[in-house]
C-alpha atoms as a PDB file:
ATOM      1  CA  MET A   1       6.739   3.787 -10.377  1.00  0.00           C
ATOM      2  CA  VAL A   2       3.903   3.119  -7.918  1.00  0.00           C
ATOM      3  CA  LEU A   3       4.558   0.987  -4.653  1.00  0.00           C
ATOM      4  CA  VAL A   4       1.641  -1.081  -3.411  1.00  0.00           C
ATOM      5  CA  ILE A   5       2.012  -2.855  -0.081  1.00  0.00           C
ATOM      6  CA  SER A   6      -0.540  -5.188   1.341  1.00  0.00           C
ATOM      7  CA  ALA A   7      -0.721  -7.955   4.241  1.00  0.00           C
ATOM      8  CA  PRO A   8      -3.209  -9.695   6.268  1.00  0.00           C
ATOM      9  CA  SER A   9      -3.877  -7.798   9.533  1.00  0.00           C
ATOM     10  CA  GLY A  10      -1.102  -8.328  12.125  1.00  0.00           C
ATOM     11  CA  ALA A  11       1.491  -9.242   9.605  1.00  0.00           C
ATOM     12  CA  GLY A  12       3.630  -6.062  10.382  1.00  0.00           C
ATOM     13  CA  LYS A  13       2.653  -3.793   7.323  1.00  0.00           C
ATOM     14  CA  THR A  14       2.060  -0.440   9.152  1.00  0.00           C
ATOM     15  CA  THR A  15       5.292  -0.742  10.914  1.00  0.00           C
ATOM     16  CA  LEU A  16       7.186  -1.380   7.608  1.00  0.00           C
ATOM     17  CA  ILE A  17       5.338   1.411   5.828  1.00  0.00           C
ATOM     18  CA  ASN A  18       6.192   3.973   8.602  1.00  0.00           C
ATOM     19  CA  ARG A  19       9.749   2.949   8.497  1.00  0.00           C
ATOM     20  CA  LEU A  20      10.047   3.309   4.787  1.00  0.00           C
ATOM     21  CA  LEU A  21       8.302   6.801   4.872  1.00  0.00           C
ATOM     22  CA  LYS A  22      10.944   7.810   7.441  1.00  0.00           C
ATOM     23  CA  SER A  23      13.976   6.342   5.558  1.00  0.00           C
ATOM     24  CA  ASP A  24      13.150   7.322   1.971  1.00  0.00           C
ATOM     25  CA  GLU A  25      11.756  10.949   1.316  1.00  0.00           C
ATOM     26  CA  ASN A  26      10.931   9.911  -2.420  1.00  0.00           C
ATOM     27  CA  PHE A  27       7.747   8.252  -1.270  1.00  0.00           C
ATOM     28  CA  MET A  28       4.622   9.878  -0.274  1.00  0.00           C
ATOM     29  CA  PHE A  29       1.686   7.814   1.424  1.00  0.00           C
ATOM     30  CA  SER A  30      -1.609   7.794  -0.605  1.00  0.00           C
ATOM     31  CA  VAL A  31      -4.225   8.845   1.849  1.00  0.00           C
ATOM     32  CA  SER A  32      -7.273   6.644   1.494  1.00  0.00           C
ATOM     33  CA  THR A  33     -10.888   7.944   1.934  1.00  0.00           C
ATOM     34  CA  THR A  34     -13.023   5.904   4.400  1.00  0.00           C
ATOM     35  CA  THR A  35     -16.380   5.706   6.012  1.00  0.00           C
ATOM     36  CA  ARG A  36     -15.072   4.014   9.179  1.00  0.00           C
ATOM     37  CA  PRO A  37     -15.118   6.094  12.529  1.00  0.00           C
ATOM     38  CA  MET A  38     -11.970   7.992  13.249  1.00  0.00           C
ATOM     39  CA  ARG A  39      -9.951   6.822  16.154  1.00  0.00           C
ATOM     40  CA  SER A  40      -8.717   8.882  18.930  1.00  0.00           C
ATOM     41  CA  TYR A  41      -5.165   8.879  17.637  1.00  0.00           C
ATOM     42  CA  GLU A  42      -5.875   9.412  14.024  1.00  0.00           C
ATOM     43  CA  MET A  43      -6.041  12.839  12.141  1.00  0.00           C
ATOM     44  CA  ASP A  44      -8.435  13.614   9.409  1.00  0.00           C
ATOM     45  CA  GLY A  45      -6.500  14.058   6.114  1.00  0.00           C
ATOM     46  CA  PHE A  46      -3.407  12.680   7.474  1.00  0.00           C
ATOM     47  CA  ASP A  47      -4.290   9.007   8.424  1.00  0.00           C
ATOM     48  CA  TYR A  48      -7.442   8.832   6.230  1.00  0.00           C
ATOM     49  CA  ASN A  49     -10.031  11.294   4.601  1.00  0.00           C
ATOM     50  CA  PHE A  50     -13.030  10.425   6.797  1.00  0.00           C
ATOM     51  CA  VAL A  51     -16.418  10.809   5.184  1.00  0.00           C
ATOM     52  CA  THR A  52     -19.993   9.658   5.568  1.00  0.00           C
ATOM     53  CA  ARG A  53     -21.273   6.708   3.887  1.00  0.00           C
ATOM     54  CA  ASP A  54     -23.572   8.911   1.716  1.00  0.00           C
ATOM     55  CA  VAL A  55     -20.598  11.191   0.667  1.00  0.00           C
ATOM     56  CA  PHE A  56     -18.475   7.974  -0.336  1.00  0.00           C
ATOM     57  CA  LEU A  57     -21.277   6.561  -2.367  1.00  0.00           C
ATOM     58  CA  ASP A  58     -21.749   9.867  -4.134  1.00  0.00           C
ATOM     59  CA  MET A  59     -18.121   9.873  -4.845  1.00  0.00           C
ATOM     60  CA  LYS A  60     -18.079   6.301  -6.080  1.00  0.00           C
ATOM     61  CA  GLU A  61     -21.020   7.125  -8.456  1.00  0.00           C
ATOM     62  CA  SER A  62     -19.096  10.239  -9.766  1.00  0.00           C
ATOM     63  CA  GLY A  63     -16.154   8.041 -10.684  1.00  0.00           C
ATOM     64  CA  GLU A  64     -13.666   9.671  -8.150  1.00  0.00           C
ATOM     65  CA  PHE A  65     -11.924   6.549  -7.142  1.00  0.00           C
ATOM     66  CA  ILE A  66      -9.373   4.548  -8.922  1.00  0.00           C
ATOM     67  CA  GLU A  67     -10.097   1.714  -6.479  1.00  0.00           C
ATOM     68  CA  TRP A  68     -12.452   1.087  -3.675  1.00  0.00           C
ATOM     69  CA  ALA A  69     -13.431  -1.821  -1.303  1.00  0.00           C
ATOM     70  CA  GLU A  70     -15.933  -2.613   1.485  1.00  0.00           C
ATOM     71  CA  VAL A  71     -13.992  -4.097   4.441  1.00  0.00           C
ATOM     72  CA  TYR A  72     -15.623  -5.113   7.674  1.00  0.00           C
ATOM     73  CA  GLY A  73     -18.676  -3.208   6.791  1.00  0.00           C
ATOM     74  CA  ASN A  74     -16.834   0.103   6.127  1.00  0.00           C
ATOM     75  CA  TYR A  75     -15.855   1.502   2.652  1.00  0.00           C
ATOM     76  CA  TYR A  76     -12.302   2.395   1.678  1.00  0.00           C
ATOM     77  CA  GLY A  77     -11.064   3.917  -1.622  1.00  0.00           C
ATOM     78  CA  THR A  78      -8.174   5.712  -3.339  1.00  0.00           C
ATOM     79  CA  THR A  79      -9.231   8.951  -5.361  1.00  0.00           C
ATOM     80  CA  LYS A  80      -7.629   9.769  -8.567  1.00  0.00           C
ATOM     81  CA  LYS A  81      -7.230  13.488  -7.124  1.00  0.00           C
ATOM     82  CA  GLU A  82      -4.917  11.978  -4.419  1.00  0.00           C
ATOM     83  CA  VAL A  83      -2.728  10.078  -6.904  1.00  0.00           C
ATOM     84  CA  ASP A  84      -2.477  13.175  -9.116  1.00  0.00           C
ATOM     85  CA  ARG A  85      -1.484  15.223  -6.013  1.00  0.00           C
ATOM     86  CA  ILE A  86       1.378  12.983  -5.137  1.00  0.00           C
ATOM     87  CA  ARG A  87       2.595  12.715  -8.744  1.00  0.00           C
ATOM     88  CA  LYS A  88       2.557  16.609  -9.305  1.00  0.00           C
ATOM     89  CA  SER A  89       4.899  16.680  -6.136  1.00  0.00           C
ATOM     90  CA  GLY A  90       7.428  14.598  -7.708  1.00  0.00           C
ATOM     91  CA  LYS A  91       6.971  11.784  -5.204  1.00  0.00           C
ATOM     92  CA  ILE A  92       6.239   8.038  -5.653  1.00  0.00           C
ATOM     93  CA  PRO A  93       2.899   7.148  -4.457  1.00  0.00           C
ATOM     94  CA  LEU A  94       2.835   4.596  -1.785  1.00  0.00           C
ATOM     95  CA  PHE A  95      -0.425   2.582  -1.216  1.00  0.00           C
ATOM     96  CA  ASP A  96      -1.664   0.493   1.789  1.00  0.00           C
ATOM     97  CA  VAL A  97      -4.441  -1.737   0.420  1.00  0.00           C
ATOM     98  CA  ASP A  98      -6.049  -5.022   0.757  1.00  0.00           C
ATOM     99  CA  ILE A  99      -6.484  -7.851  -1.741  1.00  0.00           C
ATOM    100  CA  GLN A 100      -9.398  -6.254  -3.459  1.00  0.00           C
ATOM    101  CA  GLY A 101      -7.835  -3.004  -3.659  1.00  0.00           C
ATOM    102  CA  THR A 102      -4.664  -4.614  -5.147  1.00  0.00           C
ATOM    103  CA  LYS A 103      -6.646  -6.191  -7.838  1.00  0.00           C
ATOM    104  CA  ASN A 104      -8.384  -2.896  -8.758  1.00  0.00           C
ATOM    105  CA  LEU A 105      -5.092  -0.995  -8.774  1.00  0.00           C
ATOM    106  CA  ARG A 106      -3.532  -3.656 -11.064  1.00  0.00           C
ATOM    107  CA  ALA A 107      -6.376  -2.911 -13.536  1.00  0.00           C
ATOM    108  CA  SER A 108      -6.157   0.870 -13.460  1.00  0.00           C
ATOM    109  CA  LEU A 109      -2.558   1.869 -12.713  1.00  0.00           C
ATOM    110  CA  GLU A 110       0.539   1.337 -14.808  1.00  0.00           C
ATOM    111  CA  GLY A 111       3.902   0.818 -13.306  1.00  0.00           C
ATOM    112  CA  GLY A 112       2.950  -0.837 -10.109  1.00  0.00           C
ATOM    113  CA  VAL A 113       5.182  -2.701  -7.800  1.00  0.00           C
ATOM    114  CA  TYR A 114       3.189  -5.079  -5.650  1.00  0.00           C
ATOM    115  CA  ILE A 115       4.517  -6.465  -2.438  1.00  0.00           C
ATOM    116  CA  PHE A 116       2.739  -8.897  -0.039  1.00  0.00           C
ATOM    117  CA  ILE A 117       3.841  -9.180   3.492  1.00  0.00           C
ATOM    118  CA  ILE A 118       2.989 -12.472   5.159  1.00  0.00           C
ATOM    119  CA  PRO A 119       3.319 -13.825   8.869  1.00  0.00           C
ATOM    120  CA  PRO A 120       5.701 -16.936   9.168  1.00  0.00           C
ATOM    121  CA  SER A 121       2.812 -19.072  10.241  1.00  0.00           C
ATOM    122  CA  ALA A 122      -0.863 -19.078  11.241  1.00  0.00           C
ATOM    123  CA  ASP A 123       0.128 -19.664  14.930  1.00  0.00           C
ATOM    124  CA  ILE A 124       2.511 -16.678  14.968  1.00  0.00           C
ATOM    125  CA  LEU A 125      -0.134 -14.567  13.294  1.00  0.00           C
ATOM    126  CA  ARG A 126      -2.694 -15.573  16.019  1.00  0.00           C
ATOM    127  CA  GLU A 127      -0.193 -14.664  18.800  1.00  0.00           C
ATOM    128  CA  ARG A 128       0.345 -11.171  17.312  1.00  0.00           C
ATOM    129  CA  LEU A 129      -3.222 -10.502  16.993  1.00  0.00           C
ATOM    130  CA  VAL A 130      -3.950 -11.740  20.470  1.00  0.00           C
ATOM    131  CA  GLY A 131      -1.145  -9.579  21.824  1.00  0.00           C
ATOM    132  CA  ARG A 132      -2.566  -6.501  20.279  1.00  0.00           C
ATOM    133  CA  ASN A 133      -5.486  -7.036  22.720  1.00  0.00           C
ATOM    134  CA  THR A 134      -7.926  -5.140  20.416  1.00  0.00           C
ATOM    135  CA  GLU A 135     -10.107  -8.046  19.211  1.00  0.00           C
ATOM    136  CA  SER A 136     -12.744 -10.032  20.795  1.00  0.00           C
ATOM    137  CA  ASP A 137     -12.944 -13.759  20.122  1.00  0.00           C
ATOM    138  CA  ASP A 138     -15.117 -13.365  17.452  1.00  0.00           C
ATOM    139  CA  GLN A 139     -13.293 -10.577  15.753  1.00  0.00           C
ATOM    140  CA  LEU A 140     -10.083 -12.598  16.056  1.00  0.00           C
ATOM    141  CA  SER A 141     -11.669 -15.656  14.229  1.00  0.00           C
ATOM    142  CA  ILE A 142     -12.908 -13.441  11.439  1.00  0.00           C
ATOM    143  CA  ARG A 143      -9.380 -11.763  10.953  1.00  0.00           C
ATOM    144  CA  LEU A 144      -7.698 -15.254  11.031  1.00  0.00           C
ATOM    145  CA  ALA A 145     -10.421 -16.499   8.370  1.00  0.00           C
ATOM    146  CA  ASN A 146      -9.798 -13.358   6.244  1.00  0.00           C
ATOM    147  CA  ALA A 147      -5.915 -13.912   6.598  1.00  0.00           C
ATOM    148  CA  ARG A 148      -6.152 -17.383   5.143  1.00  0.00           C
ATOM    149  CA  HIS A 149      -8.383 -16.146   2.179  1.00  0.00           C
ATOM    150  CA  GLU A 150      -5.925 -13.191   1.557  1.00  0.00           C
ATOM    151  CA  ILE A 151      -2.635 -15.418   1.726  1.00  0.00           C
ATOM    152  CA  SER A 152      -4.377 -17.703  -0.713  1.00  0.00           C
ATOM    153  CA  GLU A 153      -4.423 -14.882  -3.141  1.00  0.00           C
ATOM    154  CA  TYR A 154      -0.497 -14.510  -3.183  1.00  0.00           C
ATOM    155  CA  SER A 155      -0.117 -15.045  -6.853  1.00  0.00           C
ATOM    156  CA  ILE A 156      -1.367 -11.591  -7.611  1.00  0.00           C
ATOM    157  CA  PHE A 157       1.774  -9.802  -6.157  1.00  0.00           C
ATOM    158  CA  ASP A 158       5.109  -9.487  -7.619  1.00  0.00           C
ATOM    159  CA  TYR A 159       6.891 -10.155  -4.433  1.00  0.00           C
ATOM    160  CA  VAL A 160       6.138 -12.030  -1.184  1.00  0.00           C
ATOM    161  CA  ILE A 161       8.155 -11.551   2.090  1.00  0.00           C
ATOM    162  CA  ALA A 162       7.415 -13.605   5.084  1.00  0.00           C
ATOM    163  CA  ASN A 163       7.899 -11.356   8.077  1.00  0.00           C
ATOM    164  CA  TYR A 164       9.980 -13.483  10.650  1.00  0.00           C
ATOM    165  CA  GLU A 165      11.573 -10.443  11.954  1.00  0.00           C
ATOM    166  CA  ILE A 166      11.086  -6.892  11.216  1.00  0.00           C
ATOM    167  CA  GLU A 167      14.558  -5.702  10.501  1.00  0.00           C
ATOM    168  CA  ASP A 168      15.095  -8.470   8.063  1.00  0.00           C
ATOM    169  CA  THR A 169      11.891  -8.016   6.416  1.00  0.00           C
ATOM    170  CA  PHE A 170      12.573  -4.091   6.063  1.00  0.00           C
ATOM    171  CA  LYS A 171      15.938  -4.957   4.538  1.00  0.00           C
ATOM    172  CA  LYS A 172      14.249  -7.348   1.935  1.00  0.00           C
ATOM    173  CA  MET A 173      11.577  -4.838   1.080  1.00  0.00           C
ATOM    174  CA  MET A 174      14.220  -2.038   0.693  1.00  0.00           C
ATOM    175  CA  ALA A 175      16.239  -4.422  -1.683  1.00  0.00           C
ATOM    176  CA  ILE A 176      13.206  -4.834  -3.838  1.00  0.00           C
ATOM    177  CA  ILE A 177      12.508  -1.146  -4.102  1.00  0.00           C
ATOM    178  CA  THR A 178      16.265  -0.413  -4.999  1.00  0.00           C
ATOM    179  CA  ALA A 179      16.209  -2.927  -7.708  1.00  0.00           C
ATOM    180  CA  GLU A 180      12.769  -1.820  -9.121  1.00  0.00           C
ATOM    181  CA  LYS A 181      13.977   1.803  -9.229  1.00  0.00           C
ATOM    182  CA  CYS A 182      16.809   0.535 -11.539  1.00  0.00           C
ATOM    183  CA  ARG A 183      14.570  -1.097 -13.923  1.00  0.00           C
ATOM    184  CA  MET A 184      15.093   0.196 -17.477  1.00  0.00           C
ATOM    185  CA  ASN A 185      11.553   1.873 -17.846  1.00  0.00           C
ATOM    186  CA  ASN A 186      12.136   3.735 -14.351  1.00  0.00           C
ATOM    187  CA  MET A 187      15.558   5.030 -15.586  1.00  0.00           C
ATOM    188  CA  GLU A 188      14.433   6.361 -18.996  1.00  0.00           C
ATOM    189  CA  SER A 189      14.210  10.022 -17.865  1.00  0.00           C
ATOM    190  CA  THR A 190      17.677   9.981 -16.356  1.00  0.00           C
ATOM    191  CA  ILE A 191      19.202   8.221 -19.351  1.00  0.00           C
ATOM    192  CA  ARG A 192      17.367  10.718 -21.819  1.00  0.00           C
ATOM    193  CA  SER A 193      18.938  13.608 -19.469  1.00  0.00           C
ATOM    194  CA  ILE A 194      22.543  12.127 -19.830  1.00  0.00           C
ATOM    195  CA  LEU A 195      22.186  11.544 -23.660  1.00  0.00           C
ATOM    196  CA  GLU A 196      21.069  15.170 -24.093  1.00  0.00           C
ATOM    197  CA  GLY A 197      24.193  16.295 -22.134  1.00  0.00           C
ATOM    198  CA  PHE A 198      26.423  14.818 -24.938  1.00  0.00           C
ATOM    199  CA  ASN A 199      24.879  17.342 -27.589  1.00  0.00           C
ATOM    200  CA  ASP A 200      27.486  19.770 -26.071  1.00  0.00           C
ATOM    201  CA  TYR A 201      30.319  17.504 -27.349  1.00  0.00           C
ATOM    202  CA  THR A 202      28.904  16.068 -30.497  1.00  0.00           C
ATOM    203  CA  THR A 203      27.735  17.693 -33.853  1.00  0.00           C
END
């Protein structure tokens, strides 16, 4: 199983991902590689792997990325090495990617569960973005236009949750994850182990 969560900026995705990581230790966040500048509160190797544009392009040419995208003039990508690291630890990879990244992961990874978080309305999304007080008017317009485009691509996801209220949205997301963990293909190793246990009682 691989969990992919996407959302327009301001829809509440980061809050939900952080709550999931705190509540379920089976998941491990896949750290993306990016060329954007590191913010004051971020840590290299924890929030992102920060690299120069030239280094990123060299990695891309070398085929090191499972998926990559250019967003607001900066590059973002997920390396094969990062996914292998998480799987070797026995954890479930958790991805935070945009629409383009979602499409690329669908084409390159098996067993993915794709959840899209959307705002209840355009007006509420605008209020949330304005409330962050981090965007200029021009940046706000760009984010709203991008949000409209991203939401129009909803059909590439398995599940869509409208985030009216964060607690209810989190419960819905956890219900989806619980159901997916019980899918037959995700239970095969457990089933095999149980069947092998019957060898002690049968001939």
